[in-house]
C-alpha atoms as a PDB file:
ATOM      1  CA  MET A   1      -0.379   0.295   0.219  1.00  0.00           C
ATOM      2  CA  ASP A   2       1.410   3.357  -0.742  1.00  0.00           C
ATOM      3  CA  LYS A   3       0.957   5.088   2.680  1.00  0.00           C
ATOM      4  CA  LEU A   4       1.036   8.937   1.316  1.00  0.00           C
ATOM      5  CA  LYS A   5      -1.256   7.796  -1.520  1.00  0.00           C
ATOM      6  CA  ALA A   6      -3.516   6.329   1.019  1.00  0.00           C
ATOM      7  CA  MET A   7      -3.505   9.217   3.392  1.00  0.00           C
ATOM      8  CA  ALA A   8      -4.181  11.559   0.834  1.00  0.00           C
ATOM      9  CA  THR A   9      -7.444   9.531  -0.429  1.00  0.00           C
ATOM     10  CA  PHE A  10      -8.743   9.826   3.332  1.00  0.00           C
ATOM     11  CA  VAL A  11      -8.041  13.837   3.247  1.00  0.00           C
ATOM     12  CA  GLN A  12     -10.027  13.825   0.429  1.00  0.00           C
ATOM     13  CA  ILE A  13     -13.078  11.633   1.462  1.00  0.00           C
ATOM     14  CA  ALA A  14     -13.509  13.140   4.620  1.00  0.00           C
ATOM     15  CA  GLU A  15     -13.386  16.834   2.634  1.00  0.00           C
ATOM     16  CA  ALA A  16     -15.863  15.714  -0.164  1.00  0.00           C
ATOM     17  CA  GLY A  17     -18.071  14.135   2.148  1.00  0.00           C
ATOM     18  CA  SER A  18     -18.630  10.826   0.565  1.00  0.00           C
ATOM     19  CA  LEU A  19     -16.625   7.934  -0.926  1.00  0.00           C
ATOM     20  CA  SER A  20     -18.238   8.843  -4.534  1.00  0.00           C
ATOM     21  CA  ALA A  21     -17.721  12.622  -4.326  1.00  0.00           C
ATOM     22  CA  ALA A  22     -13.514  11.772  -3.306  1.00  0.00           C
ATOM     23  CA  ALA A  23     -13.689   9.481  -6.592  1.00  0.00           C
ATOM     24  CA  ARG A  24     -14.523  12.073  -8.869  1.00  0.00           C
ATOM     25  CA  SER A  25     -12.448  14.901  -7.428  1.00  0.00           C
ATOM     26  CA  LEU A  26      -9.256  12.223  -7.661  1.00  0.00           C
ATOM     27  CA  GLY A  27     -10.076  11.142 -10.904  1.00  0.00           C
ATOM     28  CA  ALA A  28     -10.478   7.624  -9.235  1.00  0.00           C
ATOM     29  CA  SER A  29     -12.831   4.524  -9.689  1.00  0.00           C
ATOM     30  CA  LEU A  30     -15.168   4.233  -6.560  1.00  0.00           C
ATOM     31  CA  PRO A  31     -14.124   0.708  -6.035  1.00  0.00           C
ATOM     32  CA  ALA A  32     -10.393   1.907  -6.027  1.00  0.00           C
ATOM     33  CA  VAL A  33     -11.054   4.627  -3.096  1.00  0.00           C
ATOM     34  CA  VAL A  34     -13.085   2.332  -1.253  1.00  0.00           C
ATOM     35  CA  ARG A  35      -9.873  -0.223  -1.253  1.00  0.00           C
ATOM     36  CA  SER A  36      -7.765   2.362  -0.550  1.00  0.00           C
ATOM     37  CA  LEU A  37      -9.601   3.917   2.643  1.00  0.00           C
ATOM     38  CA  ALA A  38     -10.194  -0.305   3.469  1.00  0.00           C
ATOM     39  CA  ALA A  39      -6.376  -0.855   3.349  1.00  0.00           C
ATOM     40  CA  LEU A  40      -5.678   2.154   5.835  1.00  0.00           C
ATOM     41  CA  GLU A  41      -7.631   1.213   8.454  1.00  0.00           C
ATOM     42  CA  VAL A  42      -6.526  -1.872   8.372  1.00  0.00           C
ATOM     43  CA  GLU A  43      -3.045  -0.994   8.416  1.00  0.00           C
ATOM     44  CA  LEU A  44      -3.995   1.517  11.186  1.00  0.00           C
ATOM     45  CA  GLY A  45      -5.938  -1.029  12.949  1.00  0.00           C
ATOM     46  CA  VAL A  46      -8.775   1.473  13.812  1.00  0.00           C
ATOM     47  CA  ARG A  47     -12.388   2.516  12.252  1.00  0.00           C
ATOM     48  CA  LEU A  48     -11.747   5.950  10.435  1.00  0.00           C
ATOM     49  CA  PHE A  49     -15.572   6.141   9.266  1.00  0.00           C
ATOM     50  CA  ASN A  50     -19.045   5.242  10.390  1.00  0.00           C
ATOM     51  CA  ARG A  51     -20.315   4.258   6.899  1.00  0.00           C
ATOM     52  CA  THR A  52     -24.448   3.756   6.068  1.00  0.00           C
ATOM     53  CA  THR A  53     -26.222   3.195   2.776  1.00  0.00           C
ATOM     54  CA  ARG A  54     -26.906   6.914   2.600  1.00  0.00           C
ATOM     55  CA  ARG A  55     -23.869   8.899   4.839  1.00  0.00           C
ATOM     56  CA  ILE A  56     -20.414   8.836   5.957  1.00  0.00           C
ATOM     57  CA  ALA A  57     -19.108  10.422   9.412  1.00  0.00           C
ATOM     58  CA  LEU A  58     -15.666  10.143  10.691  1.00  0.00           C
ATOM     59  CA  THR A  59     -15.081   8.643  13.852  1.00  0.00           C
ATOM     60  CA  ASP A  60     -13.133   9.997  16.854  1.00  0.00           C
ATOM     61  CA  GLU A  61      -9.969   8.022  15.650  1.00  0.00           C
ATOM     62  CA  GLY A  62     -10.638   9.545  12.230  1.00  0.00           C
ATOM     63  CA  ARG A  63     -10.844  13.218  13.434  1.00  0.00           C
ATOM     64  CA  HIS A  64      -7.636  13.267  15.085  1.00  0.00           C
ATOM     65  CA  TYR A  65      -6.003  11.246  12.457  1.00  0.00           C
ATOM     66  CA  LEU A  66      -7.038  13.700   9.760  1.00  0.00           C
ATOM     67  CA  GLU A  67      -5.640  16.343  11.723  1.00  0.00           C
ATOM     68  CA  SER A  68      -2.398  14.616  11.368  1.00  0.00           C
ATOM     69  CA  CYS A  69      -2.933  13.803   7.983  1.00  0.00           C
ATOM     70  CA  ARG A  70      -3.509  17.190   6.911  1.00  0.00           C
ATOM     71  CA  ASN A  71      -0.149  18.418   8.961  1.00  0.00           C
ATOM     72  CA  LEU A  72       1.945  15.783   7.128  1.00  0.00           C
ATOM     73  CA  LEU A  73       0.561  16.502   3.744  1.00  0.00           C
ATOM     74  CA  ALA A  74       0.977  20.227   4.345  1.00  0.00           C
ATOM     75  CA  ALA A  75       4.611  19.788   5.461  1.00  0.00           C
ATOM     76  CA  LEU A  76       5.263  17.285   2.230  1.00  0.00           C
ATOM     77  CA  ASN A  77       3.901  20.029  -0.002  1.00  0.00           C
ATOM     78  CA  ASP A  78       6.106  22.457   1.478  1.00  0.00           C
ATOM     79  CA  ALA A  79       9.280  20.704   1.107  1.00  0.00           C
ATOM     80  CA  GLU A  80       8.495  20.171  -2.046  1.00  0.00           C
ATOM     81  CA  ALA A  81       7.966  23.347  -3.330  1.00  0.00           C
ATOM     82  CA  ALA A  82      11.417  24.786  -1.186  1.00  0.00           C
ATOM     83  CA  LEU A  83      12.958  22.124  -3.600  1.00  0.00           C
ATOM     84  CA  LYS A  84      11.536  23.574  -6.812  1.00  0.00           C
ATOM     85  CA  ASP A  85      12.365  27.074  -5.406  1.00  0.00           C
ATOM     86  CA  GLU A  86      15.947  26.010  -4.962  1.00  0.00           C
ATOM     87  CA  ALA A  87      15.827  24.565  -8.555  1.00  0.00           C
ATOM     88  CA  GLY A  88      15.473  27.953  -9.764  1.00  0.00           C
ATOM     89  CA  GLU A  89      18.160  29.578  -8.043  1.00  0.00           C
ATOM     90  CA  PRO A  90      21.103  27.741  -6.823  1.00  0.00           C
ATOM     91  CA  SER A  91      21.485  28.552  -3.032  1.00  0.00           C
ATOM     92  CA  GLY A  92      22.921  26.726   0.218  1.00  0.00           C
ATOM     93  CA  GLN A  93      26.175  24.918   1.364  1.00  0.00           C
ATOM     94  CA  LEU A  94      28.077  23.217  -1.476  1.00  0.00           C
ATOM     95  CA  THR A  95      31.881  21.020  -0.737  1.00  0.00           C
ATOM     96  CA  ILE A  96      33.899  20.227  -3.327  1.00  0.00           C
ATOM     97  CA  THR A  97      36.990  18.075  -3.025  1.00  0.00           C
ATOM     98  CA  ALA A  98      40.152  17.717  -5.448  1.00  0.00           C
ATOM     99  CA  PRO A  99      43.489  16.486  -6.035  1.00  0.00           C
ATOM    100  CA  VAL A 100      45.627  19.626  -4.034  1.00  0.00           C
ATOM    101  CA  LEU A 101      47.762  20.741  -6.555  1.00  0.00           C
ATOM    102  CA  PHE A 102      45.149  20.547  -9.687  1.00  0.00           C
ATOM    103  CA  GLY A 103      42.778  22.037  -6.998  1.00  0.00           C
ATOM    104  CA  GLN A 104      45.380  24.944  -6.748  1.00  0.00           C
ATOM    105  CA  MET A 105      45.650  25.461 -10.374  1.00  0.00           C
ATOM    106  CA  HIS A 106      41.971  24.717 -11.712  1.00  0.00           C
ATOM    107  CA  VAL A 107      39.594  23.798  -9.319  1.00  0.00           C
ATOM    108  CA  ALA A 108      39.932  26.528  -6.966  1.00  0.00           C
ATOM    109  CA  PRO A 109      39.806  29.472  -9.566  1.00  0.00           C
ATOM    110  CA  ALA A 110      36.884  27.585 -11.144  1.00  0.00           C
ATOM    111  CA  VAL A 111      34.770  27.959  -7.479  1.00  0.00           C
ATOM    112  CA  THR A 112      35.796  31.217  -7.012  1.00  0.00           C
ATOM    113  CA  ARG A 113      34.337  32.732  -9.912  1.00  0.00           C
ATOM    114  CA  PHE A 114      31.339  30.188  -9.429  1.00  0.00           C
ATOM    115  CA  VAL A 115      30.237  32.171  -5.823  1.00  0.00           C
ATOM    116  CA  GLN A 116      31.068  35.210  -7.839  1.00  0.00           C
ATOM    117  CA  ARG A 117      27.775  34.249 -10.132  1.00  0.00           C
ATOM    118  CA  TYR A 118      25.395  32.308  -7.413  1.00  0.00           C
ATOM    119  CA  ASP A 119      25.720  34.934  -4.333  1.00  0.00           C
ATOM    120  CA  LYS A 120      23.524  32.710  -2.302  1.00  0.00           C
ATOM    121  CA  VAL A 121      26.056  29.708  -2.443  1.00  0.00           C
ATOM    122  CA  HIS A 122      28.661  29.030   0.163  1.00  0.00           C
ATOM    123  CA  CYS A 123      31.171  26.863  -1.297  1.00  0.00           C
ATOM    124  CA  ARG A 124      33.868  24.777   0.417  1.00  0.00           C
ATOM    125  CA  VAL A 125      36.738  23.640  -1.257  1.00  0.00           C
ATOM    126  CA  LEU A 126      38.703  20.750   0.520  1.00  0.00           C
ATOM    127  CA  LEU A 127      42.182  19.762  -1.371  1.00  0.00           C
ATOM    128  CA  PHE A 128      43.646  16.442  -0.644  1.00  0.00           C
ATOM    129  CA  ASP A 129      46.292  13.853  -2.397  1.00  0.00           C
ATOM    130  CA  ARG A 130      44.002  10.586  -1.328  1.00  0.00           C
ATOM    131  CA  VAL A 131      40.615   9.335  -2.166  1.00  0.00           C
ATOM    132  CA  VAL A 132      37.965  10.947  -0.354  1.00  0.00           C
ATOM    133  CA  ASN A 133      34.562   8.677   0.583  1.00  0.00           C
ATOM    134  CA  LEU A 134      32.022  11.648  -0.627  1.00  0.00           C
ATOM    135  CA  LEU A 135      29.053  10.050   1.212  1.00  0.00           C
ATOM    136  CA  GLU A 136      30.854   9.273   4.599  1.00  0.00           C
ATOM    137  CA  GLU A 137      32.485  13.202   4.810  1.00  0.00           C
ATOM    138  CA  GLY A 138      29.745  14.977   3.599  1.00  0.00           C
ATOM    139  CA  ILE A 139      31.018  16.242   0.120  1.00  0.00           C
ATOM    140  CA  ASP A 140      28.683  17.062  -2.863  1.00  0.00           C
ATOM    141  CA  VAL A 141      31.104  17.114  -5.689  1.00  0.00           C
ATOM    142  CA  GLY A 142      34.535  15.683  -6.131  1.00  0.00           C
ATOM    143  CA  ILE A 143      37.199  16.147  -8.787  1.00  0.00           C
ATOM    144  CA  ARG A 144      39.032  12.369  -9.564  1.00  0.00           C
ATOM    145  CA  ILE A 145      42.180  11.867 -11.523  1.00  0.00           C
ATOM    146  CA  GLY A 146      42.227   8.016 -12.241  1.00  0.00           C
ATOM    147  CA  PRO A 147      39.997   5.119 -12.580  1.00  0.00           C
ATOM    148  CA  LEU A 148      37.228   5.033 -10.719  1.00  0.00           C
ATOM    149  CA  GLU A 149      36.828   2.161  -8.137  1.00  0.00           C
ATOM    150  CA  ASP A 150      33.290   3.359  -6.311  1.00  0.00           C
ATOM    151  CA  SER A 151      30.896   2.454  -8.826  1.00  0.00           C
ATOM    152  CA  SER A 152      27.664   3.957  -6.928  1.00  0.00           C
ATOM    153  CA  LEU A 153      28.954   7.329  -7.974  1.00  0.00           C
ATOM    154  CA  VAL A 154      28.103   8.881 -10.648  1.00  0.00           C
ATOM    155  CA  ALA A 155      31.174  10.154 -12.988  1.00  0.00           C
ATOM    156  CA  ARG A 156      31.232  12.915 -15.783  1.00  0.00           C
ATOM    157  CA  PRO A 157      34.608  12.817 -17.721  1.00  0.00           C
ATOM    158  CA  VAL A 158      36.321  15.965 -18.197  1.00  0.00           C
ATOM    159  CA  GLY A 159      39.668  15.174 -19.361  1.00  0.00           C
ATOM    160  CA  GLU A 160      42.340  13.073 -18.763  1.00  0.00           C
ATOM    161  CA  VAL A 161      45.947  13.623 -17.974  1.00  0.00           C
ATOM    162  CA  ARG A 162      49.647  12.090 -19.011  1.00  0.00           C
ATOM    163  CA  ARG A 163      52.054  10.485 -16.875  1.00  0.00           C
ATOM    164  CA  MET A 164      55.298  11.999 -18.404  1.00  0.00           C
ATOM    165  CA  VAL A 165      58.779  12.467 -17.919  1.00  0.00           C
ATOM    166  CA  VAL A 166      60.633  15.799 -18.472  1.00  0.00           C
ATOM    167  CA  ALA A 167      64.071  17.345 -17.749  1.00  0.00           C
ATOM    168  CA  SER A 168      65.047  21.136 -18.179  1.00  0.00           C
ATOM    169  CA  PRO A 169      67.199  22.027 -21.585  1.00  0.00           C
ATOM    170  CA  ASP A 170      69.946  23.032 -19.226  1.00  0.00           C
ATOM    171  CA  TYR A 171      69.985  19.162 -18.058  1.00  0.00           C
ATOM    172  CA  LEU A 172      69.512  17.653 -21.354  1.00  0.00           C
ATOM    173  CA  ARG A 173      72.465  19.667 -22.721  1.00  0.00           C
ATOM    174  CA  SER A 174      74.578  18.014 -20.768  1.00  0.00           C
ATOM    175  CA  HIS A 175      73.349  15.016 -19.954  1.00  0.00           C
ATOM    176  CA  PRO A 176      72.858  12.345 -22.646  1.00  0.00           C
ATOM    177  CA  LEU A 177      68.895  12.024 -24.050  1.00  0.00           C
ATOM    178  CA  PRO A 178      67.229   8.723 -22.872  1.00  0.00           C
ATOM    179  CA  ALA A 179      66.463   6.586 -25.892  1.00  0.00           C
ATOM    180  CA  HIS A 180      64.650   4.184 -23.616  1.00  0.00           C
ATOM    181  CA  PRO A 181      63.555   4.358 -19.668  1.00  0.00           C
ATOM    182  CA  LYS A 182      66.057   1.684 -18.867  1.00  0.00           C
ATOM    183  CA  ASP A 183      68.800   4.939 -19.729  1.00  0.00           C
ATOM    184  CA  LEU A 184      66.735   6.091 -16.345  1.00  0.00           C
ATOM    185  CA  LEU A 185      68.972   3.743 -14.521  1.00  0.00           C
ATOM    186  CA  GLN A 186      72.273   6.107 -15.363  1.00  0.00           C
ATOM    187  CA  ALA A 187      70.603   8.881 -14.938  1.00  0.00           C
ATOM    188  CA  ASP A 188      70.014  11.447 -12.047  1.00  0.00           C
ATOM    189  CA  CYS A 189      65.975  11.008 -11.433  1.00  0.00           C
ATOM    190  CA  ILE A 190      63.986  13.169  -8.585  1.00  0.00           C
ATOM    191  CA  GLY A 191      61.948  11.000  -7.167  1.00  0.00           C
ATOM    192  CA  PHE A 192      59.279  11.149  -4.597  1.00  0.00           C
ATOM    193  CA  VAL A 193      59.395   9.415  -0.692  1.00  0.00           C
ATOM    194  CA  SER A 194      58.146   6.007  -0.762  1.00  0.00           C
ATOM    195  CA  THR A 195      58.118   3.370   1.214  1.00  0.00           C
ATOM    196  CA  SER A 196      57.955   0.708  -2.223  1.00  0.00           C
ATOM    197  CA  GLY A 197      61.412   2.708  -3.596  1.00  0.00           C
ATOM    198  CA  ALA A 198      61.239   4.734  -6.757  1.00  0.00           C
ATOM    199  CA  TRP A 199      59.744   3.095  -9.412  1.00  0.00           C
ATOM    200  CA  TRP A 200      58.660   4.927 -12.361  1.00  0.00           C
ATOM    201  CA  ARG A 201      56.032   3.547 -14.761  1.00  0.00           C
ATOM    202  CA  PHE A 202      55.952   3.105 -18.443  1.00  0.00           C
ATOM    203  CA  ASP A 203      54.783   1.420 -21.239  1.00  0.00           C
ATOM    204  CA  GLU A 204      56.478  -0.467 -24.607  1.00  0.00           C
ATOM    205  CA  LYS A 205      53.678  -1.492 -27.281  1.00  0.00           C
ATOM    206  CA  GLY A 206      50.392  -2.208 -24.664  1.00  0.00           C
ATOM    207  CA  ARG A 207      53.006  -4.091 -22.325  1.00  0.00           C
ATOM    208  CA  PRO A 208      53.619  -1.806 -18.442  1.00  0.00           C
ATOM    209  CA  PHE A 209      56.730  -2.396 -17.120  1.00  0.00           C
ATOM    210  CA  SER A 210      58.566  -0.673 -14.173  1.00  0.00           C
ATOM    211  CA  VAL A 211      62.076   0.948 -14.039  1.00  0.00           C
ATOM    212  CA  PRO A 212      64.105   1.671 -10.342  1.00  0.00           C
ATOM    213  CA  VAL A 213      65.306   5.123 -10.627  1.00  0.00           C
ATOM    214  CA  LYS A 214      67.638   6.829  -8.072  1.00  0.00           C
ATOM    215  CA  GLY A 215      68.956  10.121  -7.491  1.00  0.00           C
ATOM    216  CA  ARG A 216      69.630  12.608  -4.926  1.00  0.00           C
ATOM    217  CA  LEU A 217      66.834  14.224  -4.523  1.00  0.00           C
ATOM    218  CA  GLU A 218      63.391  13.124  -3.083  1.00  0.00           C
ATOM    219  CA  PHE A 219      59.905  15.200  -2.219  1.00  0.00           C
ATOM    220  CA  ASN A 220      56.943  14.304  -0.251  1.00  0.00           C
ATOM    221  CA  HIS A 221      54.989  16.673  -2.875  1.00  0.00           C
ATOM    222  CA  VAL A 222      54.910  17.440  -5.946  1.00  0.00           C
ATOM    223  CA  ALA A 223      55.916  21.401  -6.157  1.00  0.00           C
ATOM    224  CA  PRO A 224      59.527  21.220  -4.809  1.00  0.00           C
ATOM    225  CA  ALA A 225      60.358  18.245  -7.069  1.00  0.00           C
ATOM    226  CA  ILE A 226      59.152  20.647  -9.702  1.00  0.00           C
ATOM    227  CA  GLU A 227      61.482  23.506  -9.009  1.00  0.00           C
ATOM    228  CA  ALA A 228      64.404  20.569  -8.787  1.00  0.00           C
ATOM    229  CA  CYS A 229      63.618  19.591 -12.205  1.00  0.00           C
ATOM    230  CA  LEU A 230      63.646  23.266 -13.196  1.00  0.00           C
ATOM    231  CA  ALA A 231      66.760  23.891 -11.441  1.00  0.00           C
ATOM    232  CA  GLY A 232      68.282  21.185 -13.821  1.00  0.00           C
ATOM    233  CA  LEU A 233      68.726  18.693 -11.281  1.00  0.00           C
ATOM    234  CA  GLY A 234      67.516  15.970 -12.947  1.00  0.00           C
ATOM    235  CA  PHE A 235      64.807  14.187 -14.636  1.00  0.00           C
ATOM    236  CA  GLY A 236      61.538  13.717 -13.132  1.00  0.00           C
ATOM    237  CA  THR A 237      58.077  12.254 -13.638  1.00  0.00           C
ATOM    238  CA  PHE A 238      54.757  14.437 -13.591  1.00  0.00           C
ATOM    239  CA  LEU A 239      51.582  14.495 -14.348  1.00  0.00           C
ATOM    240  CA  SER A 240      50.800  16.964 -17.724  1.00  0.00           C
ATOM    241  CA  TYR A 241      48.758  19.404 -15.675  1.00  0.00           C
ATOM    242  CA  GLN A 242      51.381  19.816 -13.472  1.00  0.00           C
ATOM    243  CA  VAL A 243      54.291  20.883 -15.334  1.00  0.00           C
ATOM    244  CA  ALA A 244      52.068  22.262 -18.431  1.00  0.00           C
ATOM    245  CA  ALA A 245      52.724  25.803 -18.490  1.00  0.00           C
ATOM    246  CA  HIS A 246      56.469  25.080 -17.804  1.00  0.00           C
ATOM    247  CA  LEU A 247      56.426  22.888 -20.985  1.00  0.00           C
ATOM    248  CA  ALA A 248      54.696  25.735 -22.877  1.00  0.00           C
ATOM    249  CA  ALA A 249      57.551  28.018 -21.955  1.00  0.00           C
ATOM    250  CA  GLY A 250      60.232  25.912 -22.690  1.00  0.00           C
ATOM    251  CA  ARG A 251      61.592  25.479 -19.577  1.00  0.00           C
ATOM    252  CA  LEU A 252      60.901  21.900 -19.410  1.00  0.00           C
ATOM    253  CA  GLN A 253      60.868  19.173 -22.253  1.00  0.00           C
ATOM    254  CA  VAL A 254      59.432  15.709 -22.627  1.00  0.00           C
ATOM    255  CA  VAL A 255      61.555  12.613 -22.932  1.00  0.00           C
ATOM    256  CA  LEU A 256      60.629   9.177 -23.606  1.00  0.00           C
ATOM    257  CA  GLU A 257      57.107  10.144 -24.848  1.00  0.00           C
ATOM    258  CA  ASP A 258      56.637   6.853 -26.831  1.00  0.00           C
ATOM    259  CA  PHE A 259      56.714   4.895 -23.440  1.00  0.00           C
ATOM    260  CA  GLU A 260      54.276   6.905 -21.636  1.00  0.00           C
ATOM    261  CA  PRO A 261      51.602   4.931 -19.819  1.00  0.00           C
ATOM    262  CA  PRO A 262      48.087   5.098 -20.733  1.00  0.00           C
ATOM    263  CA  PRO A 263      46.594   8.597 -19.768  1.00  0.00           C
ATOM    264  CA  ARG A 264      44.429   8.786 -16.622  1.00  0.00           C
ATOM    265  CA  PRO A 265      40.908   9.978 -16.944  1.00  0.00           C
ATOM    266  CA  ILE A 266      39.640  13.008 -15.128  1.00  0.00           C
ATOM    267  CA  HIS A 267      36.020  12.825 -13.549  1.00  0.00           C
ATOM    268  CA  VAL A 268      33.437  15.028 -11.867  1.00  0.00           C
ATOM    269  CA  VAL A 269      31.964  12.675  -9.818  1.00  0.00           C
ATOM    270  CA  TYR A 270      28.725  12.894  -7.165  1.00  0.00           C
ATOM    271  CA  PRO A 271      26.635  10.565  -5.371  1.00  0.00           C
ATOM    272  CA  HIS A 272      23.291  10.369  -6.717  1.00  0.00           C
ATOM    273  CA  ALA A 273      21.902  11.298 -10.263  1.00  0.00           C
ATOM    274  CA  ARG A 274      18.862  11.960  -9.445  1.00  0.00           C
ATOM    275  CA  LEU A 275      16.782  14.586  -7.057  1.00  0.00           C
ATOM    276  CA  LEU A 276      20.418  16.789  -7.034  1.00  0.00           C
ATOM    277  CA  PRO A 277      20.166  20.348  -5.122  1.00  0.00           C
ATOM    278  CA  ALA A 278      20.474  23.207  -7.992  1.00  0.00           C
ATOM    279  CA  ARG A 279      23.677  24.054  -6.368  1.00  0.00           C
ATOM    280  CA  VAL A 280      25.070  20.860  -7.164  1.00  0.00           C
ATOM    281  CA  LYS A 281      23.753  20.484 -10.787  1.00  0.00           C
ATOM    282  CA  THR A 282      24.661  23.728 -11.948  1.00  0.00           C
ATOM    283  CA  PHE A 283      28.407  23.525 -10.440  1.00  0.00           C
ATOM    284  CA  VAL A 284      28.758  20.326 -12.071  1.00  0.00           C
ATOM    285  CA  GLU A 285      27.990  22.133 -15.200  1.00  0.00           C
ATOM    286  CA  TRP A 286      29.966  24.999 -14.540  1.00  0.00           C
ATOM    287  CA  ILE A 287      33.082  22.960 -13.685  1.00  0.00           C
ATOM    288  CA  HIS A 288      32.484  20.408 -16.786  1.00  0.00           C
ATOM    289  CA  ALA A 289      32.588  23.930 -19.018  1.00  0.00           C
ATOM    290  CA  GLU A 290      35.861  25.302 -16.931  1.00  0.00           C
ATOM    291  CA  LEU A 291      37.806  22.583 -17.595  1.00  0.00           C
ATOM    292  CA  ASP A 292      36.821  21.752 -20.905  1.00  0.00           C
ATOM    293  CA  GLU A 293      37.472  25.331 -21.919  1.00  0.00           C
ATOM    294  CA  ASN A 294      40.938  25.964 -19.885  1.00  0.00           C
ATOM    295  CA  ARG A 295      41.678  22.248 -21.728  1.00  0.00           C
ATOM    296  CA  VAL A 296      43.187  20.830 -18.814  1.00  0.00           C
ATOM    297  CA  GLY A 297      44.956  17.676 -18.763  1.00  0.00           C
END
């Protein structure tokens, strides 16, 4: 039994004064109205109307229940109206998460422009270099780089990034240009602190493999590793968006491009596809357009 529908039918019967009048008002058949009322009375375990062949009247229990039903249905209508109003103008709290450097470079500026456009929205931007559980941490929208593991999320692709090896022109002028990733075994490589050691991933004709590299510098964050690479202290491996500006300016140069692993996708993810608040739906479209326009990746 649809409890809300049965309650609405009960209220209509009480207001119309008869089963047949309620049926006409609801656009339903008389037998359907009778069945709905009977099922509701069975569910509640009380009689809501005293019925004769000529008239119908509320019982004491029916009068008390009628007031409760009216209040509940009115509250439901108010809630739906509020959602429809919100659908017309984004408002309320919006929480977004993204990887640290990608968030600093692309997401935070887009969010700033979004807030300037929609002055009823309050945004929190949380930048983490870890996979965040959106539902558990109360986050509305996330930007993910790499394969998606949580199939319960709705995901919209917004681009892809490459994992590439780069070096400064100064370093390449004084060191041999690698023809194969194994040549890095004899080169200075700027690494990242890891318990598993420094292994850089490559792909050769569809076959993935890794090379153990070494060097005089290791960092636990991307930004100083890029600075060291710019200073000519060795090869570095980065995602394409992290060094895009330096590549465009000629401060860094890509090497071993033929051995890069497959590109990694970028997605905008959110928990639900239906009944999203206007602020979430509007922001998803906004960030999709912003990232596409800026050709991130």
